[in-house]
Amino acid sequence: MRIKICGMSEQRVIDEAAALGVDMCGFVFHAPSPRCVTARQAACLDTHGMKRVGVFVTQSVEEIRDIVKEAGLDYVQLHGRQSASFARHFPPETVIRVLWPADCASRRELDEAIAAFADSCGLYLLDAGMGSGRTLDWKELEGLSFPHPWFLSGGLSPENAAQALDACSPDGLDFNSRLETAPGRKSVSRVREAVEAVRGYFPQKNISAEADRKKVK
């Protein structure tokens, strides 16, 4: 089970996340967000081996490429309305394609959206809204078929992580606003509780973060 924490901006929180074995660290490059950072700010943050993910909503291909280079990113998370042809400007194994089930009128429409990006991404992320704190109807996601691993996002917390895993069995969880004391301010204790909740869900499997990271490569 992979863990991603998005909206990171403080070194002390990143240090704790890395020490706990979190797999992916997300940086938001979207000005309206209270979690927005600049490429320079992200470049100065040491993620200690965690995969570095950039969240992009409105930038052009050229702007994204510039930020990827300056911030030293491993993944491009397309969190806007970018098309599959837009995504193909980047190596597919580095693209995280975000989908919003609430935008789909039916299960079939969601299946079609998943299929549309099959050759232009390496990971999917299903969300309820960027940093909104809202949750998806997890039971509605049960049994979805993905050609690549997928992350669940949207309102995840230490308190509901096990329930989400029970309901729809994602390959990873993406935490954000529910780990904050204020918009854009992550709590070290909440980060620790979230990781413990996920790891505690699989005690019999003794899953190590290092093994998970190797699977992502």
N, C-alpha and C. Protein backbone atom coordinates (compact mmCIF):
# COMPACT_ATOMS: atom_id res chain seq x y z
N MET A 1 0.85 -1.19 0.00
CA MET A 1 0.00 0.00 0.00
C MET A 1 0.89 1.24 0.00
N ARG A 2 0.70 2.08 -1.00
CA ARG A 2 1.50 3.29 -1.11
C ARG A 2 0.80 4.47 -0.44
N ILE A 3 1.57 5.35 0.13
CA ILE A 3 1.03 6.52 0.79
C ILE A 3 1.61 7.78 0.15
N LYS A 4 0.73 8.70 -0.20
CA LYS A 4 1.13 9.99 -0.74
C LYS A 4 0.53 11.07 0.15
N ILE A 5 1.31 12.07 0.46
CA ILE A 5 0.80 13.23 1.20
C ILE A 5 0.99 14.45 0.31
N CYS A 6 -0.10 15.11 0.01
CA CYS A 6 -0.08 16.22 -0.94
C CYS A 6 -0.16 17.56 -0.19
N GLY A 7 0.21 18.62 -0.91
CA GLY A 7 0.15 19.96 -0.34
C GLY A 7 1.24 20.23 0.67
N MET A 8 2.40 19.64 0.47
CA MET A 8 3.51 19.81 1.40
C MET A 8 4.25 21.12 1.13
N SER A 9 4.73 21.75 2.21
CA SER A 9 5.47 23.01 2.05
C SER A 9 6.46 23.28 3.16
N GLU A 10 6.46 22.45 4.22
CA GLU A 10 7.33 22.69 5.36
C GLU A 10 8.32 21.54 5.54
N GLN A 11 9.60 21.89 5.71
CA GLN A 11 10.63 20.88 5.80
C GLN A 11 10.42 19.95 6.99
N ARG A 12 9.99 20.47 8.13
CA ARG A 12 9.83 19.64 9.33
C ARG A 12 8.78 18.55 9.12
N VAL A 13 7.73 18.87 8.38
CA VAL A 13 6.68 17.88 8.11
C VAL A 13 7.18 16.85 7.09
N ILE A 14 7.90 17.34 6.11
CA ILE A 14 8.47 16.43 5.11
C ILE A 14 9.47 15.47 5.77
N ASP A 15 10.28 16.00 6.68
CA ASP A 15 11.23 15.14 7.40
C ASP A 15 10.51 14.01 8.12
N GLU A 16 9.41 14.34 8.80
CA GLU A 16 8.67 13.34 9.54
C GLU A 16 8.03 12.32 8.60
N ALA A 17 7.45 12.79 7.51
CA ALA A 17 6.82 11.89 6.54
C ALA A 17 7.84 10.90 5.98
N ALA A 18 9.02 11.40 5.64
CA ALA A 18 10.06 10.52 5.11
C ALA A 18 10.50 9.49 6.15
N ALA A 19 10.66 9.94 7.38
CA ALA A 19 11.08 9.03 8.45
C ALA A 19 10.05 7.94 8.69
N LEU A 20 8.78 8.25 8.43
CA LEU A 20 7.70 7.28 8.62
C LEU A 20 7.54 6.34 7.44
N GLY A 21 8.26 6.59 6.34
CA GLY A 21 8.18 5.71 5.18
C GLY A 21 7.13 6.09 4.16
N VAL A 22 6.67 7.34 4.19
CA VAL A 22 5.72 7.80 3.16
C VAL A 22 6.40 7.70 1.80
N ASP A 23 5.65 7.30 0.80
CA ASP A 23 6.22 7.03 -0.52
C ASP A 23 6.34 8.24 -1.43
N MET A 24 5.34 9.14 -1.36
CA MET A 24 5.28 10.24 -2.33
C MET A 24 4.92 11.54 -1.62
N CYS A 25 5.60 12.62 -2.04
CA CYS A 25 5.40 13.94 -1.47
C CYS A 25 4.87 14.86 -2.58
N GLY A 26 3.70 15.43 -2.35
CA GLY A 26 3.06 16.25 -3.38
C GLY A 26 3.24 17.74 -3.14
N PHE A 27 3.62 18.46 -4.21
CA PHE A 27 3.74 19.91 -4.19
C PHE A 27 2.68 20.50 -5.13
N VAL A 28 1.93 21.47 -4.64
CA VAL A 28 0.86 22.06 -5.42
C VAL A 28 1.37 23.33 -6.11
N PHE A 29 1.26 23.35 -7.44
CA PHE A 29 1.65 24.52 -8.24
C PHE A 29 0.39 25.14 -8.86
N HIS A 30 -0.47 25.63 -7.98
CA HIS A 30 -1.74 26.21 -8.42
C HIS A 30 -2.02 27.40 -7.53
N ALA A 31 -1.88 28.60 -8.08
CA ALA A 31 -1.90 29.83 -7.29
C ALA A 31 -3.11 29.99 -6.37
N PRO A 32 -4.34 29.63 -6.79
CA PRO A 32 -5.48 29.81 -5.88
C PRO A 32 -5.45 28.94 -4.63
N SER A 33 -4.63 27.92 -4.62
CA SER A 33 -4.60 27.00 -3.48
C SER A 33 -3.77 27.58 -2.34
N PRO A 34 -4.24 27.42 -1.09
CA PRO A 34 -3.44 27.85 0.06
C PRO A 34 -2.20 27.00 0.24
N ARG A 35 -2.10 25.91 -0.51
CA ARG A 35 -0.95 25.01 -0.43
C ARG A 35 0.06 25.26 -1.56
N CYS A 36 -0.15 26.31 -2.33
CA CYS A 36 0.70 26.56 -3.49
C CYS A 36 2.13 26.90 -3.07
N VAL A 37 3.08 26.33 -3.79
CA VAL A 37 4.49 26.67 -3.63
C VAL A 37 5.06 27.01 -5.00
N THR A 38 6.18 27.68 -5.01
CA THR A 38 6.87 27.97 -6.26
C THR A 38 7.84 26.83 -6.56
N ALA A 39 8.30 26.78 -7.79
CA ALA A 39 9.27 25.76 -8.16
C ALA A 39 10.53 25.90 -7.32
N ARG A 40 10.93 27.14 -7.07
CA ARG A 40 12.13 27.37 -6.26
C ARG A 40 11.94 26.88 -4.83
N GLN A 41 10.78 27.16 -4.26
CA GLN A 41 10.51 26.68 -2.90
C GLN A 41 10.55 25.16 -2.83
N ALA A 42 9.93 24.50 -3.80
CA ALA A 42 9.93 23.03 -3.82
C ALA A 42 11.35 22.49 -3.98
N ALA A 43 12.14 23.15 -4.82
CA ALA A 43 13.51 22.70 -5.06
C ALA A 43 14.34 22.72 -3.78
N CYS A 44 14.02 23.63 -2.88
CA CYS A 44 14.78 23.77 -1.63
C CYS A 44 14.34 22.79 -0.55
N LEU A 45 13.28 22.05 -0.79
CA LEU A 45 12.77 21.10 0.20
C LEU A 45 13.33 19.70 -0.08
N ASP A 46 14.01 19.14 0.89
CA ASP A 46 14.62 17.82 0.77
C ASP A 46 13.58 16.76 1.13
N THR A 47 13.26 15.91 0.17
CA THR A 47 12.24 14.88 0.41
C THR A 47 12.84 13.52 0.80
N HIS A 48 14.14 13.46 0.96
CA HIS A 48 14.79 12.28 1.54
C HIS A 48 14.44 10.99 0.82
N GLY A 49 14.33 11.03 -0.49
CA GLY A 49 14.04 9.81 -1.24
C GLY A 49 12.58 9.58 -1.57
N MET A 50 11.67 10.30 -0.94
CA MET A 50 10.27 10.19 -1.34
C MET A 50 10.13 10.69 -2.78
N LYS A 51 9.26 10.07 -3.55
CA LYS A 51 9.01 10.54 -4.90
C LYS A 51 8.36 11.92 -4.86
N ARG A 52 8.82 12.79 -5.73
CA ARG A 52 8.37 14.18 -5.74
C ARG A 52 7.31 14.37 -6.84
N VAL A 53 6.13 14.78 -6.43
CA VAL A 53 4.99 14.91 -7.34
C VAL A 53 4.59 16.38 -7.46
N GLY A 54 4.44 16.86 -8.68
CA GLY A 54 3.94 18.21 -8.91
C GLY A 54 2.49 18.17 -9.34
N VAL A 55 1.65 18.97 -8.69
CA VAL A 55 0.23 19.03 -9.01
C VAL A 55 -0.02 20.24 -9.90
N PHE A 56 -0.54 19.98 -11.11
CA PHE A 56 -0.72 21.03 -12.11
C PHE A 56 -2.17 21.09 -12.56
N VAL A 57 -2.68 22.32 -12.70
CA VAL A 57 -4.08 22.50 -13.06
C VAL A 57 -4.23 23.26 -14.38
N THR A 58 -3.55 24.37 -14.52
CA THR A 58 -3.77 25.24 -15.70
C THR A 58 -2.51 25.51 -16.52
N GLN A 59 -1.36 25.04 -16.09
CA GLN A 59 -0.12 25.38 -16.78
C GLN A 59 -0.03 24.74 -18.17
N SER A 60 0.76 25.37 -19.01
CA SER A 60 1.03 24.83 -20.34
C SER A 60 2.07 23.72 -20.24
N VAL A 61 2.25 22.98 -21.32
CA VAL A 61 3.26 21.92 -21.36
C VAL A 61 4.64 22.50 -21.04
N GLU A 62 4.95 23.64 -21.64
CA GLU A 62 6.26 24.25 -21.43
C GLU A 62 6.46 24.68 -19.99
N GLU A 63 5.42 25.26 -19.39
CA GLU A 63 5.52 25.68 -18.00
C GLU A 63 5.73 24.48 -17.07
N ILE A 64 5.02 23.41 -17.34
CA ILE A 64 5.18 22.21 -16.52
C ILE A 64 6.59 21.66 -16.65
N ARG A 65 7.09 21.61 -17.86
CA ARG A 65 8.44 21.10 -18.07
C ARG A 65 9.47 21.93 -17.31
N ASP A 66 9.30 23.23 -17.33
CA ASP A 66 10.23 24.11 -16.61
C ASP A 66 10.18 23.84 -15.11
N ILE A 67 8.97 23.67 -14.57
CA ILE A 67 8.83 23.43 -13.13
C ILE A 67 9.38 22.06 -12.76
N VAL A 68 9.12 21.06 -13.60
CA VAL A 68 9.65 19.72 -13.35
C VAL A 68 11.16 19.77 -13.23
N LYS A 69 11.79 20.51 -14.13
CA LYS A 69 13.26 20.59 -14.13
C LYS A 69 13.77 21.33 -12.91
N GLU A 70 13.18 22.49 -12.61
CA GLU A 70 13.67 23.31 -11.50
C GLU A 70 13.40 22.66 -10.14
N ALA A 71 12.22 22.06 -9.99
CA ALA A 71 11.84 21.49 -8.70
C ALA A 71 12.30 20.05 -8.52
N GLY A 72 12.85 19.44 -9.59
CA GLY A 72 13.34 18.07 -9.49
C GLY A 72 12.23 17.06 -9.25
N LEU A 73 11.17 17.16 -10.06
CA LEU A 73 10.00 16.32 -9.86
C LEU A 73 10.15 14.95 -10.52
N ASP A 74 9.53 13.95 -9.91
CA ASP A 74 9.48 12.59 -10.48
C ASP A 74 8.18 12.32 -11.21
N TYR A 75 7.09 12.99 -10.77
CA TYR A 75 5.77 12.76 -11.35
C TYR A 75 5.08 14.08 -11.66
N VAL A 76 4.28 14.04 -12.71
CA VAL A 76 3.41 15.16 -13.09
C VAL A 76 1.98 14.73 -12.82
N GLN A 77 1.33 15.36 -11.87
CA GLN A 77 -0.07 15.04 -11.57
C GLN A 77 -0.97 16.03 -12.28
N LEU A 78 -1.69 15.56 -13.27
CA LEU A 78 -2.57 16.41 -14.07
C LEU A 78 -3.92 16.50 -13.36
N HIS A 79 -4.11 17.60 -12.67
CA HIS A 79 -5.26 17.76 -11.79
C HIS A 79 -6.30 18.71 -12.37
N GLY A 80 -6.16 19.03 -13.65
CA GLY A 80 -7.13 19.90 -14.30
C GLY A 80 -7.90 19.15 -15.37
N ARG A 81 -8.26 19.86 -16.41
CA ARG A 81 -9.04 19.24 -17.50
C ARG A 81 -8.15 18.91 -18.70
N GLN A 82 -6.88 18.62 -18.43
CA GLN A 82 -5.95 18.30 -19.51
C GLN A 82 -6.40 17.04 -20.25
N SER A 83 -6.22 17.07 -21.54
CA SER A 83 -6.63 15.95 -22.39
C SER A 83 -5.57 14.86 -22.41
N ALA A 84 -5.93 13.73 -23.00
CA ALA A 84 -4.96 12.64 -23.16
C ALA A 84 -3.82 13.07 -24.07
N SER A 85 -4.11 13.86 -25.09
CA SER A 85 -3.06 14.33 -25.98
C SER A 85 -2.10 15.26 -25.24
N PHE A 86 -2.62 16.05 -24.31
CA PHE A 86 -1.77 16.90 -23.47
C PHE A 86 -0.85 16.02 -22.62
N ALA A 87 -1.41 14.98 -22.03
CA ALA A 87 -0.63 14.09 -21.16
C ALA A 87 0.49 13.40 -21.92
N ARG A 88 0.29 13.17 -23.22
CA ARG A 88 1.30 12.45 -24.01
C ARG A 88 2.57 13.26 -24.26
N HIS A 89 2.59 14.51 -23.84
CA HIS A 89 3.82 15.30 -23.93
C HIS A 89 4.83 14.89 -22.87
N PHE A 90 4.41 14.02 -21.95
CA PHE A 90 5.28 13.59 -20.86
C PHE A 90 5.40 12.07 -20.88
N PRO A 91 6.51 11.52 -20.41
CA PRO A 91 6.62 10.05 -20.36
C PRO A 91 5.46 9.48 -19.55
N PRO A 92 4.74 8.52 -20.07
CA PRO A 92 3.53 8.03 -19.39
C PRO A 92 3.80 7.52 -17.98
N GLU A 93 4.98 6.94 -17.76
CA GLU A 93 5.26 6.41 -16.43
C GLU A 93 5.43 7.51 -15.37
N THR A 94 5.52 8.76 -15.82
CA THR A 94 5.66 9.88 -14.87
C THR A 94 4.35 10.65 -14.68
N VAL A 95 3.28 10.22 -15.34
CA VAL A 95 2.02 10.97 -15.29
C VAL A 95 1.02 10.31 -14.34
N ILE A 96 0.48 11.12 -13.44
CA ILE A 96 -0.63 10.72 -12.58
C ILE A 96 -1.87 11.44 -13.10
N ARG A 97 -2.83 10.69 -13.60
CA ARG A 97 -4.05 11.29 -14.17
C ARG A 97 -5.15 11.30 -13.12
N VAL A 98 -5.64 12.48 -12.82
CA VAL A 98 -6.71 12.63 -11.84
C VAL A 98 -8.06 12.56 -12.55
N LEU A 99 -8.98 11.80 -11.97
CA LEU A 99 -10.34 11.70 -12.48
C LEU A 99 -11.31 12.00 -11.34
N TRP A 100 -12.46 12.56 -11.70
CA TRP A 100 -13.50 12.91 -10.71
C TRP A 100 -14.75 12.08 -10.99
N PRO A 101 -14.97 11.03 -10.22
CA PRO A 101 -16.15 10.20 -10.44
C PRO A 101 -17.46 10.99 -10.43
N ALA A 102 -17.52 12.06 -9.65
CA ALA A 102 -18.75 12.85 -9.56
C ALA A 102 -19.10 13.52 -10.89
N ASP A 103 -18.11 13.68 -11.75
CA ASP A 103 -18.35 14.29 -13.06
C ASP A 103 -18.92 13.30 -14.06
N CYS A 104 -18.88 12.03 -13.72
CA CYS A 104 -19.35 10.99 -14.64
C CYS A 104 -20.80 10.63 -14.33
N ALA A 105 -21.61 10.62 -15.37
CA ALA A 105 -23.05 10.36 -15.20
C ALA A 105 -23.34 8.90 -14.89
N SER A 106 -22.39 8.01 -15.17
CA SER A 106 -22.63 6.59 -14.96
C SER A 106 -21.31 5.87 -14.74
N ARG A 107 -21.41 4.64 -14.28
CA ARG A 107 -20.23 3.79 -14.10
C ARG A 107 -19.54 3.58 -15.44
N ARG A 108 -20.34 3.42 -16.48
CA ARG A 108 -19.77 3.23 -17.81
C ARG A 108 -18.95 4.44 -18.25
N GLU A 109 -19.44 5.63 -17.94
CA GLU A 109 -18.72 6.84 -18.32
C GLU A 109 -17.38 6.94 -17.58
N LEU A 110 -17.36 6.52 -16.32
CA LEU A 110 -16.11 6.51 -15.57
C LEU A 110 -15.15 5.48 -16.16
N ASP A 111 -15.66 4.32 -16.52
CA ASP A 111 -14.83 3.31 -17.17
C ASP A 111 -14.21 3.85 -18.46
N GLU A 112 -14.99 4.61 -19.22
CA GLU A 112 -14.49 5.19 -20.47
C GLU A 112 -13.42 6.23 -20.21
N ALA A 113 -13.58 7.00 -19.13
CA ALA A 113 -12.56 8.00 -18.78
C ALA A 113 -11.26 7.32 -18.38
N ILE A 114 -11.37 6.23 -17.64
CA ILE A 114 -10.18 5.47 -17.26
C ILE A 114 -9.46 4.95 -18.51
N ALA A 115 -10.22 4.38 -19.43
CA ALA A 115 -9.64 3.82 -20.65
C ALA A 115 -9.01 4.88 -21.53
N ALA A 116 -9.58 6.08 -21.54
CA ALA A 116 -9.10 7.15 -22.42
C ALA A 116 -7.66 7.55 -22.11
N PHE A 117 -7.22 7.35 -20.87
CA PHE A 117 -5.87 7.77 -20.48
C PHE A 117 -4.93 6.58 -20.29
N ALA A 118 -5.35 5.40 -20.70
CA ALA A 118 -4.57 4.19 -20.44
C ALA A 118 -3.15 4.26 -21.00
N ASP A 119 -2.99 4.88 -22.17
CA ASP A 119 -1.66 4.90 -22.80
C ASP A 119 -0.89 6.18 -22.51
N SER A 120 -1.44 7.06 -21.67
CA SER A 120 -0.77 8.34 -21.43
C SER A 120 -0.49 8.61 -19.95
N CYS A 121 -0.67 7.59 -19.11
CA CYS A 121 -0.35 7.76 -17.69
C CYS A 121 0.16 6.45 -17.12
N GLY A 122 0.79 6.55 -15.96
CA GLY A 122 1.27 5.37 -15.27
C GLY A 122 0.52 5.10 -13.98
N LEU A 123 -0.18 6.14 -13.50
CA LEU A 123 -0.98 6.03 -12.28
C LEU A 123 -2.25 6.85 -12.44
N TYR A 124 -3.29 6.42 -11.75
CA TYR A 124 -4.54 7.19 -11.68
C TYR A 124 -4.74 7.67 -10.25
N LEU A 125 -5.51 8.74 -10.13
CA LEU A 125 -5.92 9.23 -8.82
C LEU A 125 -7.37 9.66 -8.91
N LEU A 126 -8.21 9.08 -8.08
CA LEU A 126 -9.63 9.45 -8.06
C LEU A 126 -9.85 10.40 -6.89
N ASP A 127 -10.46 11.55 -7.19
CA ASP A 127 -10.57 12.61 -6.20
C ASP A 127 -11.99 13.17 -6.18
N ALA A 128 -12.29 13.86 -5.07
CA ALA A 128 -13.59 14.52 -4.94
C ALA A 128 -13.47 16.02 -5.14
N GLY A 129 -12.24 16.53 -5.25
CA GLY A 129 -12.02 17.97 -5.40
C GLY A 129 -10.72 18.36 -4.73
N MET A 130 -9.90 19.17 -5.38
CA MET A 130 -8.55 19.43 -4.89
C MET A 130 -8.56 20.15 -3.54
N GLY A 131 -8.10 19.43 -2.50
CA GLY A 131 -7.99 20.02 -1.18
C GLY A 131 -9.30 20.41 -0.55
N SER A 132 -10.40 19.84 -1.02
CA SER A 132 -11.73 20.26 -0.55
C SER A 132 -12.12 19.62 0.77
N GLY A 133 -11.52 18.49 1.10
CA GLY A 133 -11.91 17.75 2.30
C GLY A 133 -13.12 16.87 2.10
N ARG A 134 -13.73 16.91 0.90
CA ARG A 134 -14.89 16.06 0.63
C ARG A 134 -14.44 14.64 0.32
N THR A 135 -15.29 13.68 0.64
CA THR A 135 -15.00 12.29 0.34
C THR A 135 -15.85 11.81 -0.82
N LEU A 136 -15.37 10.77 -1.48
CA LEU A 136 -16.14 10.10 -2.52
C LEU A 136 -17.04 9.04 -1.88
N ASP A 137 -17.98 8.55 -2.66
CA ASP A 137 -18.76 7.38 -2.24
C ASP A 137 -17.90 6.17 -2.55
N TRP A 138 -17.14 5.71 -1.55
CA TRP A 138 -16.14 4.67 -1.80
C TRP A 138 -16.75 3.37 -2.29
N LYS A 139 -17.91 3.03 -1.82
CA LYS A 139 -18.55 1.78 -2.25
C LYS A 139 -18.84 1.80 -3.75
N GLU A 140 -19.12 2.98 -4.28
CA GLU A 140 -19.39 3.10 -5.72
C GLU A 140 -18.16 2.81 -6.56
N LEU A 141 -16.99 2.85 -5.96
CA LEU A 141 -15.73 2.61 -6.69
C LEU A 141 -15.31 1.15 -6.65
N GLU A 142 -15.98 0.36 -5.85
CA GLU A 142 -15.62 -1.04 -5.71
C GLU A 142 -15.75 -1.77 -7.05
N GLY A 143 -14.71 -2.53 -7.39
CA GLY A 143 -14.74 -3.34 -8.61
C GLY A 143 -14.33 -2.63 -9.87
N LEU A 144 -13.94 -1.35 -9.79
CA LEU A 144 -13.45 -0.66 -10.97
C LEU A 144 -12.19 -1.34 -11.48
N SER A 145 -12.02 -1.36 -12.80
CA SER A 145 -10.86 -1.99 -13.40
C SER A 145 -9.92 -0.91 -13.97
N PHE A 146 -8.67 -0.93 -13.52
CA PHE A 146 -7.68 0.04 -13.97
C PHE A 146 -6.52 -0.68 -14.66
N PRO A 147 -6.00 -0.12 -15.76
CA PRO A 147 -4.83 -0.71 -16.41
C PRO A 147 -3.54 -0.42 -15.67
N HIS A 148 -3.58 0.51 -14.73
CA HIS A 148 -2.42 0.89 -13.93
C HIS A 148 -2.86 1.05 -12.47
N PRO A 149 -1.92 1.10 -11.54
CA PRO A 149 -2.31 1.31 -10.14
C PRO A 149 -3.06 2.62 -9.96
N TRP A 150 -3.89 2.66 -8.92
CA TRP A 150 -4.65 3.89 -8.69
C TRP A 150 -4.66 4.28 -7.21
N PHE A 151 -4.68 5.59 -7.00
CA PHE A 151 -4.74 6.17 -5.66
C PHE A 151 -6.14 6.72 -5.39
N LEU A 152 -6.55 6.63 -4.15
CA LEU A 152 -7.79 7.25 -3.71
C LEU A 152 -7.45 8.52 -2.95
N SER A 153 -8.18 9.60 -3.23
CA SER A 153 -8.00 10.86 -2.55
C SER A 153 -9.36 11.43 -2.19
N GLY A 154 -9.33 12.53 -1.45
CA GLY A 154 -10.58 13.20 -1.09
C GLY A 154 -11.02 12.94 0.34
N GLY A 155 -10.71 13.86 1.24
CA GLY A 155 -11.21 13.77 2.60
C GLY A 155 -10.67 12.62 3.42
N LEU A 156 -9.53 12.07 3.06
CA LEU A 156 -8.98 10.94 3.80
C LEU A 156 -8.31 11.42 5.08
N SER A 157 -8.46 10.64 6.13
CA SER A 157 -7.94 11.00 7.44
C SER A 157 -7.51 9.74 8.18
N PRO A 158 -6.82 9.89 9.31
CA PRO A 158 -6.50 8.71 10.12
C PRO A 158 -7.76 7.97 10.56
N GLU A 159 -8.83 8.71 10.74
CA GLU A 159 -10.07 8.11 11.25
C GLU A 159 -10.83 7.30 10.20
N ASN A 160 -10.70 7.64 8.92
CA ASN A 160 -11.50 6.93 7.92
C ASN A 160 -10.68 6.13 6.91
N ALA A 161 -9.36 6.08 7.09
CA ALA A 161 -8.52 5.37 6.12
C ALA A 161 -8.90 3.90 6.02
N ALA A 162 -9.11 3.24 7.14
CA ALA A 162 -9.46 1.82 7.11
C ALA A 162 -10.79 1.59 6.42
N GLN A 163 -11.75 2.47 6.67
CA GLN A 163 -13.06 2.35 6.03
C GLN A 163 -12.92 2.48 4.51
N ALA A 164 -12.10 3.40 4.07
CA ALA A 164 -11.89 3.59 2.63
C ALA A 164 -11.25 2.36 2.01
N LEU A 165 -10.26 1.80 2.68
CA LEU A 165 -9.58 0.61 2.17
C LEU A 165 -10.53 -0.58 2.12
N ASP A 166 -11.38 -0.70 3.11
CA ASP A 166 -12.38 -1.78 3.13
C ASP A 166 -13.33 -1.67 1.94
N ALA A 167 -13.69 -0.43 1.61
CA ALA A 167 -14.75 -0.21 0.64
C ALA A 167 -14.32 -0.43 -0.80
N CYS A 168 -13.09 -0.02 -1.15
CA CYS A 168 -12.77 -0.03 -2.59
C CYS A 168 -11.37 -0.51 -2.95
N SER A 169 -10.54 -0.86 -2.01
CA SER A 169 -9.25 -1.50 -2.25
C SER A 169 -8.36 -0.78 -3.26
N PRO A 170 -8.02 0.49 -3.02
CA PRO A 170 -7.10 1.18 -3.93
C PRO A 170 -5.67 0.67 -3.74
N ASP A 171 -4.79 1.07 -4.65
CA ASP A 171 -3.38 0.70 -4.52
C ASP A 171 -2.61 1.69 -3.66
N GLY A 172 -3.21 2.84 -3.41
CA GLY A 172 -2.57 3.84 -2.57
C GLY A 172 -3.59 4.84 -2.05
N LEU A 173 -3.22 5.54 -0.98
CA LEU A 173 -4.05 6.60 -0.44
C LEU A 173 -3.30 7.92 -0.51
N ASP A 174 -4.02 8.98 -0.84
CA ASP A 174 -3.45 10.31 -0.97
C ASP A 174 -4.12 11.22 0.06
N PHE A 175 -3.36 11.60 1.08
CA PHE A 175 -3.88 12.46 2.16
C PHE A 175 -3.55 13.91 1.87
N ASN A 176 -4.43 14.82 2.36
CA ASN A 176 -4.16 16.23 2.19
C ASN A 176 -4.78 17.04 3.33
N SER A 177 -5.94 17.63 3.07
CA SER A 177 -6.47 18.64 3.99
C SER A 177 -6.83 18.12 5.38
N ARG A 178 -7.19 16.87 5.49
CA ARG A 178 -7.58 16.33 6.80
C ARG A 178 -6.38 16.09 7.73
N LEU A 179 -5.18 16.39 7.22
CA LEU A 179 -3.98 16.30 8.07
C LEU A 179 -3.50 17.68 8.47
N GLU A 180 -4.35 18.70 8.34
CA GLU A 180 -3.94 20.08 8.56
C GLU A 180 -4.58 20.69 9.81
N THR A 181 -3.86 21.63 10.40
CA THR A 181 -4.41 22.44 11.48
C THR A 181 -5.05 23.71 10.93
N ALA A 182 -4.65 24.09 9.72
CA ALA A 182 -5.20 25.23 8.99
C ALA A 182 -4.87 24.99 7.52
N PRO A 183 -5.61 25.61 6.59
CA PRO A 183 -5.32 25.37 5.17
C PRO A 183 -3.84 25.61 4.84
N GLY A 184 -3.21 24.55 4.35
CA GLY A 184 -1.81 24.65 3.96
C GLY A 184 -0.82 24.35 5.06
N ARG A 185 -1.29 24.07 6.27
CA ARG A 185 -0.39 23.81 7.41
C ARG A 185 -0.59 22.38 7.90
N LYS A 186 0.29 21.49 7.49
CA LYS A 186 0.19 20.09 7.90
C LYS A 186 0.62 19.92 9.36
N SER A 187 -0.03 18.99 10.03
CA SER A 187 0.29 18.65 11.41
C SER A 187 1.17 17.41 11.42
N VAL A 188 2.32 17.50 12.07
CA VAL A 188 3.21 16.35 12.17
C VAL A 188 2.51 15.17 12.85
N SER A 189 1.76 15.45 13.90
CA SER A 189 1.07 14.37 14.61
C SER A 189 0.00 13.72 13.74
N ARG A 190 -0.70 14.51 12.94
CA ARG A 190 -1.73 13.95 12.05
C ARG A 190 -1.09 13.11 10.95
N VAL A 191 0.03 13.55 10.45
CA VAL A 191 0.75 12.76 9.45
C VAL A 191 1.13 11.41 10.05
N ARG A 192 1.64 11.44 11.25
CA ARG A 192 2.03 10.20 11.92
C ARG A 192 0.82 9.28 12.12
N GLU A 193 -0.29 9.85 12.54
CA GLU A 193 -1.50 9.05 12.77
C GLU A 193 -2.01 8.44 11.47
N ALA A 194 -1.92 9.19 10.37
CA ALA A 194 -2.39 8.68 9.08
C ALA A 194 -1.55 7.49 8.63
N VAL A 195 -0.24 7.61 8.75
CA VAL A 195 0.64 6.51 8.36
C VAL A 195 0.38 5.30 9.24
N GLU A 196 0.24 5.51 10.52
CA GLU A 196 -0.03 4.40 11.43
C GLU A 196 -1.36 3.72 11.11
N ALA A 197 -2.35 4.50 10.71
CA ALA A 197 -3.65 3.92 10.37
C ALA A 197 -3.55 3.02 9.15
N VAL A 198 -2.77 3.45 8.15
CA VAL A 198 -2.62 2.64 6.94
C VAL A 198 -1.79 1.40 7.22
N ARG A 199 -0.66 1.57 7.86
CA ARG A 199 0.21 0.43 8.15
C ARG A 199 -0.50 -0.56 9.09
N GLY A 200 -1.29 -0.03 10.01
CA GLY A 200 -2.01 -0.90 10.94
C GLY A 200 -3.10 -1.71 10.29
N TYR A 201 -3.51 -1.30 9.09
CA TYR A 201 -4.55 -2.03 8.38
C TYR A 201 -4.02 -3.36 7.82
N PHE A 202 -2.69 -3.43 7.64
CA PHE A 202 -2.07 -4.61 7.05
C PHE A 202 -1.05 -5.24 7.99
N PRO A 203 -1.37 -5.45 9.26
CA PRO A 203 -0.34 -5.94 10.19
C PRO A 203 0.18 -7.32 9.82
N GLN A 204 -0.67 -8.16 9.28
CA GLN A 204 -0.26 -9.53 8.95
C GLN A 204 0.65 -9.60 7.74
N LYS A 205 0.63 -8.54 6.94
CA LYS A 205 1.44 -8.56 5.72
C LYS A 205 2.83 -7.96 5.93
N ASN A 206 3.01 -7.24 7.04
CA ASN A 206 4.31 -6.65 7.36
C ASN A 206 4.88 -5.91 6.16
N ILE A 207 4.06 -5.05 5.54
CA ILE A 207 4.46 -4.33 4.33
C ILE A 207 5.48 -3.26 4.70
N SER A 208 6.58 -3.22 3.98
CA SER A 208 7.59 -2.19 4.23
C SER A 208 7.47 -1.10 3.18
N ALA A 209 7.77 0.14 3.58
CA ALA A 209 7.71 1.26 2.65
C ALA A 209 8.74 1.08 1.54
N GLU A 210 9.91 0.48 1.87
CA GLU A 210 10.93 0.30 0.86
C GLU A 210 10.46 -0.64 -0.23
N ALA A 211 9.75 -1.70 0.13
CA ALA A 211 9.24 -2.63 -0.86
C ALA A 211 8.23 -1.93 -1.76
N ASP A 212 7.39 -1.09 -1.18
CA ASP A 212 6.42 -0.35 -1.97
C ASP A 212 7.10 0.58 -2.96
N ARG A 213 8.16 1.25 -2.51
CA ARG A 213 8.86 2.18 -3.40
C ARG A 213 9.46 1.45 -4.59
N LYS A 214 9.95 0.23 -4.36
CA LYS A 214 10.54 -0.53 -5.46
C LYS A 214 9.50 -0.87 -6.51
N LYS A 215 8.26 -1.11 -6.07
CA LYS A 215 7.19 -1.44 -7.01
C LYS A 215 6.84 -0.26 -7.90
N VAL A 216 7.00 0.95 -7.37
CA VAL A 216 6.65 2.15 -8.14
C VAL A 216 7.65 2.36 -9.26
N LYS A 217 8.92 2.00 -9.03
CA LYS A 217 9.98 2.26 -10.02
C LYS A 217 9.76 1.45 -11.29
